[in-house]
C-alpha cells in the first residue's frame, strides 16, 4: 500500500494554519485529511482547551499525550491517507514528527504572520487566550530551527493564495528535504534551542534518553 502525502503546517497560535488547511482541502485535486493536533489535545473533557486559558495542571497529562500525536497522525499516512498536519511544534516535537513520519514524504511549511495581525485575530476570536501569540513570538521557539521546505505569510496573502503557493510547490514534484535535515541534527543541539515543556514531551517518547 503506498503511503499518503503529507503537508505539515507549523506556526504560532492564530497564524492562520486552520484557515490554510481548509483552503488546501478545497484547492488540492485529491482528498486530504485535516490532522489538527489541537483536536487530539482536547479529546478529554477533563482537559480544558489550551487556547481558552482555563487554569489546569499540564504536567499531569501533557507529555504523554503530546508525545503520542506524531505517531497517531503517521499511522493515518502509513495506511495511504493524505494529510494536512497542523501544530504549534517546538524543535523537539518537530523531531518527534520526523521520527514518526520516517516512511513518508513530508512537505514542511512554516506559517508566518506578524505580531500586530496575530493580536488582532486573538481579539476577534472568542476561542483564543489574549497574549498567547505575543508570548510565543517573543519566546521565539516555534521557528527556532529555521528549517522548512516552504514559507507562507498569511498576513501578506489570504489563505487561498497561500494554498496555491503550496500546490505549485507540490506540482513541481521536487522532493522535500526539511524533515531529513531535521533528522540529521543532533538531539543535544536541538535540546539547547528549546524549553522545558518541549523537553518533557520528547522524553515521554524517549524514556531512556540521557542528554
C-alpha atoms as a PDB file:
ATOM      1  CA  UNK A   1       0.000   0.000   0.000  1.00  0.00           C
ATOM      2  CA  UNK A   2       1.510   3.392  -0.947  1.00  0.00           C
ATOM      3  CA  UNK A   3       1.837   5.847   1.915  1.00  0.00           C
ATOM      4  CA  UNK A   4      -0.085   9.112   1.891  1.00  0.00           C
ATOM      5  CA  UNK A   5       1.340  12.513   1.059  1.00  0.00           C
ATOM      6  CA  UNK A   6       1.816  14.866   3.993  1.00  0.00           C
ATOM      7  CA  UNK A   7       1.781  18.656   4.249  1.00  0.00           C
ATOM      8  CA  UNK A   8       2.900  19.892   7.665  1.00  0.00           C
ATOM      9  CA  UNK A   9       1.802  23.395   8.706  1.00  0.00           C
ATOM     10  CA  UNK A  10       3.833  24.738  11.614  1.00  0.00           C
ATOM     11  CA  UNK A  11       3.269  28.151  13.167  1.00  0.00           C
ATOM     12  CA  UNK A  12       2.355  30.019  16.318  1.00  0.00           C
ATOM     13  CA  UNK A  13      -1.206  30.328  17.518  1.00  0.00           C
ATOM     14  CA  UNK A  14      -3.511  32.465  15.321  1.00  0.00           C
ATOM     15  CA  UNK A  15      -1.051  32.394  12.412  1.00  0.00           C
ATOM     16  CA  UNK A  16      -3.775  31.035  10.108  1.00  0.00           C
ATOM     17  CA  UNK A  17      -2.964  27.332   9.990  1.00  0.00           C
ATOM     18  CA  UNK A  18      -6.569  26.127  10.206  1.00  0.00           C
ATOM     19  CA  UNK A  19      -7.790  28.536   7.546  1.00  0.00           C
ATOM     20  CA  UNK A  20      -4.897  27.496   5.325  1.00  0.00           C
ATOM     21  CA  UNK A  21      -5.667  23.806   5.885  1.00  0.00           C
ATOM     22  CA  UNK A  22      -9.252  24.385   4.770  1.00  0.00           C
ATOM     23  CA  UNK A  23      -8.091  26.315   1.710  1.00  0.00           C
ATOM     24  CA  UNK A  24      -5.716  23.494   0.829  1.00  0.00           C
ATOM     25  CA  UNK A  25      -8.506  20.930   1.079  1.00  0.00           C
ATOM     26  CA  UNK A  26     -10.520  22.993  -1.385  1.00  0.00           C
ATOM     27  CA  UNK A  27      -7.557  23.632  -3.686  1.00  0.00           C
ATOM     28  CA  UNK A  28      -5.789  20.299  -3.947  1.00  0.00           C
ATOM     29  CA  UNK A  29      -7.108  17.891  -6.536  1.00  0.00           C
ATOM     30  CA  UNK A  30      -7.441  14.908  -4.188  1.00  0.00           C
ATOM     31  CA  UNK A  31      -8.706  14.274  -0.653  1.00  0.00           C
ATOM     32  CA  UNK A  32      -6.539  15.310   2.291  1.00  0.00           C
ATOM     33  CA  UNK A  33      -7.422  14.755   5.946  1.00  0.00           C
ATOM     34  CA  UNK A  34      -7.015  17.761   8.245  1.00  0.00           C
ATOM     35  CA  UNK A  35      -4.971  16.379  11.154  1.00  0.00           C
ATOM     36  CA  UNK A  36      -5.139  19.143  13.764  1.00  0.00           C
ATOM     37  CA  UNK A  37      -3.011  18.478  16.849  1.00  0.00           C
ATOM     38  CA  UNK A  38      -5.395  20.560  18.994  1.00  0.00           C
ATOM     39  CA  UNK A  39      -8.188  18.097  18.212  1.00  0.00           C
ATOM     40  CA  UNK A  40      -6.178  15.332  19.869  1.00  0.00           C
ATOM     41  CA  UNK A  41      -5.160  17.543  22.797  1.00  0.00           C
ATOM     42  CA  UNK A  42      -8.804  18.368  23.518  1.00  0.00           C
ATOM     43  CA  UNK A  43     -10.252  14.848  23.288  1.00  0.00           C
ATOM     44  CA  UNK A  44     -10.728  14.629  27.060  1.00  0.00           C
ATOM     45  CA  UNK A  45     -13.434  16.619  28.817  1.00  0.00           C
ATOM     46  CA  UNK A  46     -11.074  16.740  31.762  1.00  0.00           C
ATOM     47  CA  UNK A  47      -8.524  18.757  29.804  1.00  0.00           C
ATOM     48  CA  UNK A  48      -9.787  22.287  29.050  1.00  0.00           C
ATOM     49  CA  UNK A  49      -8.807  23.526  25.587  1.00  0.00           C
ATOM     50  CA  UNK A  50      -5.396  25.165  25.825  1.00  0.00           C
ATOM     51  CA  UNK A  51      -6.425  28.229  23.827  1.00  0.00           C
ATOM     52  CA  UNK A  52      -9.237  29.223  26.199  1.00  0.00           C
ATOM     53  CA  UNK A  53      -6.975  29.933  29.103  1.00  0.00           C
ATOM     54  CA  UNK A  54      -8.581  27.925  31.923  1.00  0.00           C
ATOM     55  CA  UNK A  55      -6.148  27.083  34.689  1.00  0.00           C
ATOM     56  CA  UNK A  56      -5.122  23.446  34.751  1.00  0.00           C
ATOM     57  CA  UNK A  57      -2.057  21.381  35.592  1.00  0.00           C
ATOM     58  CA  UNK A  58      -0.412  20.497  32.296  1.00  0.00           C
ATOM     59  CA  UNK A  59       2.307  18.374  33.874  1.00  0.00           C
ATOM     60  CA  UNK A  60      -0.227  15.701  34.828  1.00  0.00           C
ATOM     61  CA  UNK A  61      -1.171  14.791  31.267  1.00  0.00           C
ATOM     62  CA  UNK A  62       0.707  16.779  28.663  1.00  0.00           C
ATOM     63  CA  UNK A  63       3.970  14.931  27.966  1.00  0.00           C
ATOM     64  CA  UNK A  64       2.450  11.518  27.231  1.00  0.00           C
ATOM     65  CA  UNK A  65      -0.480  12.957  25.287  1.00  0.00           C
ATOM     66  CA  UNK A  66       1.556  15.330  23.144  1.00  0.00           C
ATOM     67  CA  UNK A  67       4.269  12.716  22.556  1.00  0.00           C
ATOM     68  CA  UNK A  68       1.649  10.363  21.094  1.00  0.00           C
ATOM     69  CA  UNK A  69       0.316  12.813  18.486  1.00  0.00           C
ATOM     70  CA  UNK A  70       3.016  12.327  15.801  1.00  0.00           C
ATOM     71  CA  UNK A  71       2.569   8.553  15.874  1.00  0.00           C
ATOM     72  CA  UNK A  72      -1.225   8.867  15.665  1.00  0.00           C
ATOM     73  CA  UNK A  73      -1.011  11.024  12.556  1.00  0.00           C
ATOM     74  CA  UNK A  74       1.763   8.943  10.990  1.00  0.00           C
ATOM     75  CA  UNK A  75      -0.425   5.835  11.260  1.00  0.00           C
ATOM     76  CA  UNK A  76      -3.042   7.529   9.091  1.00  0.00           C
ATOM     77  CA  UNK A  77      -0.451   8.362   6.436  1.00  0.00           C
ATOM     78  CA  UNK A  78       1.103   4.901   6.500  1.00  0.00           C
ATOM     79  CA  UNK A  79      -2.313   3.475   5.616  1.00  0.00           C
ATOM     80  CA  UNK A  80      -2.422   5.594   2.492  1.00  0.00           C
ATOM     81  CA  UNK A  81      -4.261   8.704   3.699  1.00  0.00           C
ATOM     82  CA  UNK A  82      -3.064  12.112   2.534  1.00  0.00           C
ATOM     83  CA  UNK A  83      -2.706  14.515   5.464  1.00  0.00           C
ATOM     84  CA  UNK A  84      -2.535  18.201   6.236  1.00  0.00           C
ATOM     85  CA  UNK A  85      -0.961  18.231   9.703  1.00  0.00           C
ATOM     86  CA  UNK A  86      -1.335  21.362  11.813  1.00  0.00           C
ATOM     87  CA  UNK A  87       0.595  22.030  15.010  1.00  0.00           C
ATOM     88  CA  UNK A  88       2.443  24.604  17.086  1.00  0.00           C
ATOM     89  CA  UNK A  89       5.528  22.417  17.089  1.00  0.00           C
ATOM     90  CA  UNK A  90       8.603  23.327  19.078  1.00  0.00           C
ATOM     91  CA  UNK A  91      12.013  21.937  17.984  1.00  0.00           C
ATOM     92  CA  UNK A  92      11.966  18.608  19.826  1.00  0.00           C
ATOM     93  CA  UNK A  93       8.332  17.939  18.946  1.00  0.00           C
ATOM     94  CA  UNK A  94       9.260  18.532  15.309  1.00  0.00           C
ATOM     95  CA  UNK A  95      11.977  15.930  15.805  1.00  0.00           C
ATOM     96  CA  UNK A  96       9.323  13.556  17.169  1.00  0.00           C
ATOM     97  CA  UNK A  97       7.364  14.114  13.969  1.00  0.00           C
ATOM     98  CA  UNK A  98      10.377  13.343  11.772  1.00  0.00           C
ATOM     99  CA  UNK A  99      10.868  10.044  13.579  1.00  0.00           C
ATOM    100  CA  UNK A 100       7.211   9.031  13.339  1.00  0.00           C
ATOM    101  CA  UNK A 101       6.956  10.036   9.668  1.00  0.00           C
ATOM    102  CA  UNK A 102      10.230   8.385   8.672  1.00  0.00           C
ATOM    103  CA  UNK A 103       8.475   6.340   5.959  1.00  0.00           C
ATOM    104  CA  UNK A 104       6.612   9.308   4.481  1.00  0.00           C
ATOM    105  CA  UNK A 105       7.364  12.278   2.272  1.00  0.00           C
ATOM    106  CA  UNK A 106       6.518  15.414   4.249  1.00  0.00           C
ATOM    107  CA  UNK A 107       6.424  18.994   2.966  1.00  0.00           C
ATOM    108  CA  UNK A 108       7.199  21.216   5.947  1.00  0.00           C
ATOM    109  CA  UNK A 109       5.568  24.648   5.618  1.00  0.00           C
ATOM    110  CA  UNK A 110       6.369  27.464   8.066  1.00  0.00           C
ATOM    111  CA  UNK A 111       3.252  29.577   8.501  1.00  0.00           C
ATOM    112  CA  UNK A 112       4.254  33.139   9.384  1.00  0.00           C
ATOM    113  CA  UNK A 113       2.299  36.222  10.452  1.00  0.00           C
ATOM    114  CA  UNK A 114       3.430  39.465  12.085  1.00  0.00           C
ATOM    115  CA  UNK A 115       2.541  40.141  15.705  1.00  0.00           C
ATOM    116  CA  UNK A 116       0.121  43.000  15.111  1.00  0.00           C
ATOM    117  CA  UNK A 117      -2.076  40.792  12.936  1.00  0.00           C
ATOM    118  CA  UNK A 118      -1.786  37.865  15.346  1.00  0.00           C
ATOM    119  CA  UNK A 119      -3.041  40.044  18.169  1.00  0.00           C
ATOM    120  CA  UNK A 120      -5.877  41.431  16.041  1.00  0.00           C
ATOM    121  CA  UNK A 121      -7.022  37.869  15.335  1.00  0.00           C
ATOM    122  CA  UNK A 122      -6.825  36.982  19.024  1.00  0.00           C
ATOM    123  CA  UNK A 123      -9.092  39.909  19.917  1.00  0.00           C
ATOM    124  CA  UNK A 124     -11.663  38.989  17.258  1.00  0.00           C
ATOM    125  CA  UNK A 125     -11.918  35.304  18.124  1.00  0.00           C
ATOM    126  CA  UNK A 126     -13.728  34.006  21.174  1.00  0.00           C
ATOM    127  CA  UNK A 127     -11.581  30.878  21.456  1.00  0.00           C
ATOM    128  CA  UNK A 128      -8.157  32.496  21.893  1.00  0.00           C
ATOM    129  CA  UNK A 129      -6.320  33.397  25.072  1.00  0.00           C
ATOM    130  CA  UNK A 130      -5.214  37.008  24.760  1.00  0.00           C
ATOM    131  CA  UNK A 131      -1.447  37.279  24.947  1.00  0.00           C
ATOM    132  CA  UNK A 132      -0.657  33.725  23.824  1.00  0.00           C
ATOM    133  CA  UNK A 133       0.555  34.831  20.385  1.00  0.00           C
ATOM    134  CA  UNK A 134       2.864  37.508  21.803  1.00  0.00           C
ATOM    135  CA  UNK A 135       4.236  35.001  24.296  1.00  0.00           C
ATOM    136  CA  UNK A 136       5.071  32.514  21.548  1.00  0.00           C
ATOM    137  CA  UNK A 137       6.541  35.140  19.218  1.00  0.00           C
ATOM    138  CA  UNK A 138       8.739  36.656  21.913  1.00  0.00           C
ATOM    139  CA  UNK A 139       9.830  33.227  23.098  1.00  0.00           C
ATOM    140  CA  UNK A 140      10.950  32.515  19.535  1.00  0.00           C
ATOM    141  CA  UNK A 141      10.973  28.735  19.859  1.00  0.00           C
ATOM    142  CA  UNK A 142       8.401  27.581  17.299  1.00  0.00           C
ATOM    143  CA  UNK A 143      10.559  28.665  14.348  1.00  0.00           C
ATOM    144  CA  UNK A 144      13.895  28.480  16.179  1.00  0.00           C
ATOM    145  CA  UNK A 145      15.351  25.826  13.870  1.00  0.00           C
ATOM    146  CA  UNK A 146      14.557  27.891  10.753  1.00  0.00           C
ATOM    147  CA  UNK A 147      14.244  24.739   8.663  1.00  0.00           C
ATOM    148  CA  UNK A 148      11.371  24.379   6.202  1.00  0.00           C
ATOM    149  CA  UNK A 149      10.627  23.424   2.625  1.00  0.00           C
ATOM    150  CA  UNK A 150       8.401  26.427   2.079  1.00  0.00           C
ATOM    151  CA  UNK A 151       7.299  29.550   3.936  1.00  0.00           C
ATOM    152  CA  UNK A 152       3.996  31.404   3.601  1.00  0.00           C
ATOM    153  CA  UNK A 153       2.839  34.632   5.230  1.00  0.00           C
ATOM    154  CA  UNK A 154      -0.885  34.790   5.973  1.00  0.00           C
ATOM    155  CA  UNK A 155      -0.732  38.496   6.829  1.00  0.00           C
ATOM    156  CA  UNK A 156       0.503  39.334   3.335  1.00  0.00           C
ATOM    157  CA  UNK A 157      -1.683  36.911   1.393  1.00  0.00           C
ATOM    158  CA  UNK A 158      -5.090  35.308   2.046  1.00  0.00           C
ATOM    159  CA  UNK A 159      -5.329  31.602   2.789  1.00  0.00           C
ATOM    160  CA  UNK A 160      -6.400  30.788  -0.775  1.00  0.00           C
ATOM    161  CA  UNK A 161      -3.276  32.417  -2.241  1.00  0.00           C
ATOM    162  CA  UNK A 162      -1.038  30.642   0.270  1.00  0.00           C
ATOM    163  CA  UNK A 163      -2.719  27.343  -0.633  1.00  0.00           C
ATOM    164  CA  UNK A 164      -1.984  27.953  -4.313  1.00  0.00           C
ATOM    165  CA  UNK A 165       1.671  28.612  -3.454  1.00  0.00           C
ATOM    166  CA  UNK A 166       1.832  25.261  -1.670  1.00  0.00           C
ATOM    167  CA  UNK A 167       0.039  23.493  -4.525  1.00  0.00           C
ATOM    168  CA  UNK A 168       2.504  24.913  -7.046  1.00  0.00           C
ATOM    169  CA  UNK A 169       5.356  23.600  -4.901  1.00  0.00           C
ATOM    170  CA  UNK A 170       3.780  20.156  -4.839  1.00  0.00           C
ATOM    171  CA  UNK A 171       3.135  20.225  -8.582  1.00  0.00           C
ATOM    172  CA  UNK A 172       6.844  20.810  -9.223  1.00  0.00           C
ATOM    173  CA  UNK A 173       7.481  17.325  -7.906  1.00  0.00           C
ATOM    174  CA  UNK A 174      10.687  18.286  -6.085  1.00  0.00           C
ATOM    175  CA  UNK A 175      11.344  16.103  -3.069  1.00  0.00           C
ATOM    176  CA  UNK A 176      11.020  17.932   0.269  1.00  0.00           C
ATOM    177  CA  UNK A 177      14.181  17.928   2.381  1.00  0.00           C
ATOM    178  CA  UNK A 178      13.283  19.696   5.639  1.00  0.00           C
ATOM    179  CA  UNK A 179      12.458  16.567   7.632  1.00  0.00           C
ATOM    180  CA  UNK A 180      15.708  14.906   6.503  1.00  0.00           C
ATOM    181  CA  UNK A 181      17.662  17.974   7.618  1.00  0.00           C
ATOM    182  CA  UNK A 182      15.884  17.946  10.975  1.00  0.00           C
ATOM    183  CA  UNK A 183      16.656  14.266  11.410  1.00  0.00           C
ATOM    184  CA  UNK A 184      20.343  14.933  10.769  1.00  0.00           C
ATOM    185  CA  UNK A 185      20.603  17.427  13.635  1.00  0.00           C
ATOM    186  CA  UNK A 186      21.935  16.157  16.945  1.00  0.00           C
ATOM    187  CA  UNK A 187      19.500  15.902  19.825  1.00  0.00           C
ATOM    188  CA  UNK A 188      21.962  17.816  22.002  1.00  0.00           C
ATOM    189  CA  UNK A 189      21.863  20.795  19.645  1.00  0.00           C
ATOM    190  CA  UNK A 190      18.064  20.803  19.435  1.00  0.00           C
ATOM    191  CA  UNK A 191      17.811  20.357  23.207  1.00  0.00           C
ATOM    192  CA  UNK A 192      19.670  23.636  23.765  1.00  0.00           C
ATOM    193  CA  UNK A 193      17.287  25.523  21.450  1.00  0.00           C
ATOM    194  CA  UNK A 194      14.027  24.754  23.241  1.00  0.00           C
ATOM    195  CA  UNK A 195      12.259  24.827  26.616  1.00  0.00           C
ATOM    196  CA  UNK A 196      11.307  22.529  29.486  1.00  0.00           C
ATOM    197  CA  UNK A 197       7.835  21.845  28.073  1.00  0.00           C
ATOM    198  CA  UNK A 198       9.231  20.613  24.770  1.00  0.00           C
ATOM    199  CA  UNK A 199      11.904  18.544  26.517  1.00  0.00           C
ATOM    200  CA  UNK A 200       9.346  16.795  28.724  1.00  0.00           C
ATOM    201  CA  UNK A 201       7.345  15.767  25.649  1.00  0.00           C
ATOM    202  CA  UNK A 202      10.404  14.396  23.867  1.00  0.00           C
ATOM    203  CA  UNK A 203      11.466  12.489  26.979  1.00  0.00           C
ATOM    204  CA  UNK A 204       7.998  10.927  27.232  1.00  0.00           C
ATOM    205  CA  UNK A 205       8.566   9.500  23.756  1.00  0.00           C
ATOM    206  CA  UNK A 206      12.164   8.506  24.607  1.00  0.00           C
ATOM    207  CA  UNK A 207      12.165   7.392  28.255  1.00  0.00           C
ATOM    208  CA  UNK A 208      15.765   6.122  28.055  1.00  0.00           C
ATOM    209  CA  UNK A 209      17.138   9.412  26.739  1.00  0.00           C
ATOM    210  CA  UNK A 210      20.068  10.926  28.574  1.00  0.00           C
ATOM    211  CA  UNK A 211      21.161  14.401  27.449  1.00  0.00           C
END
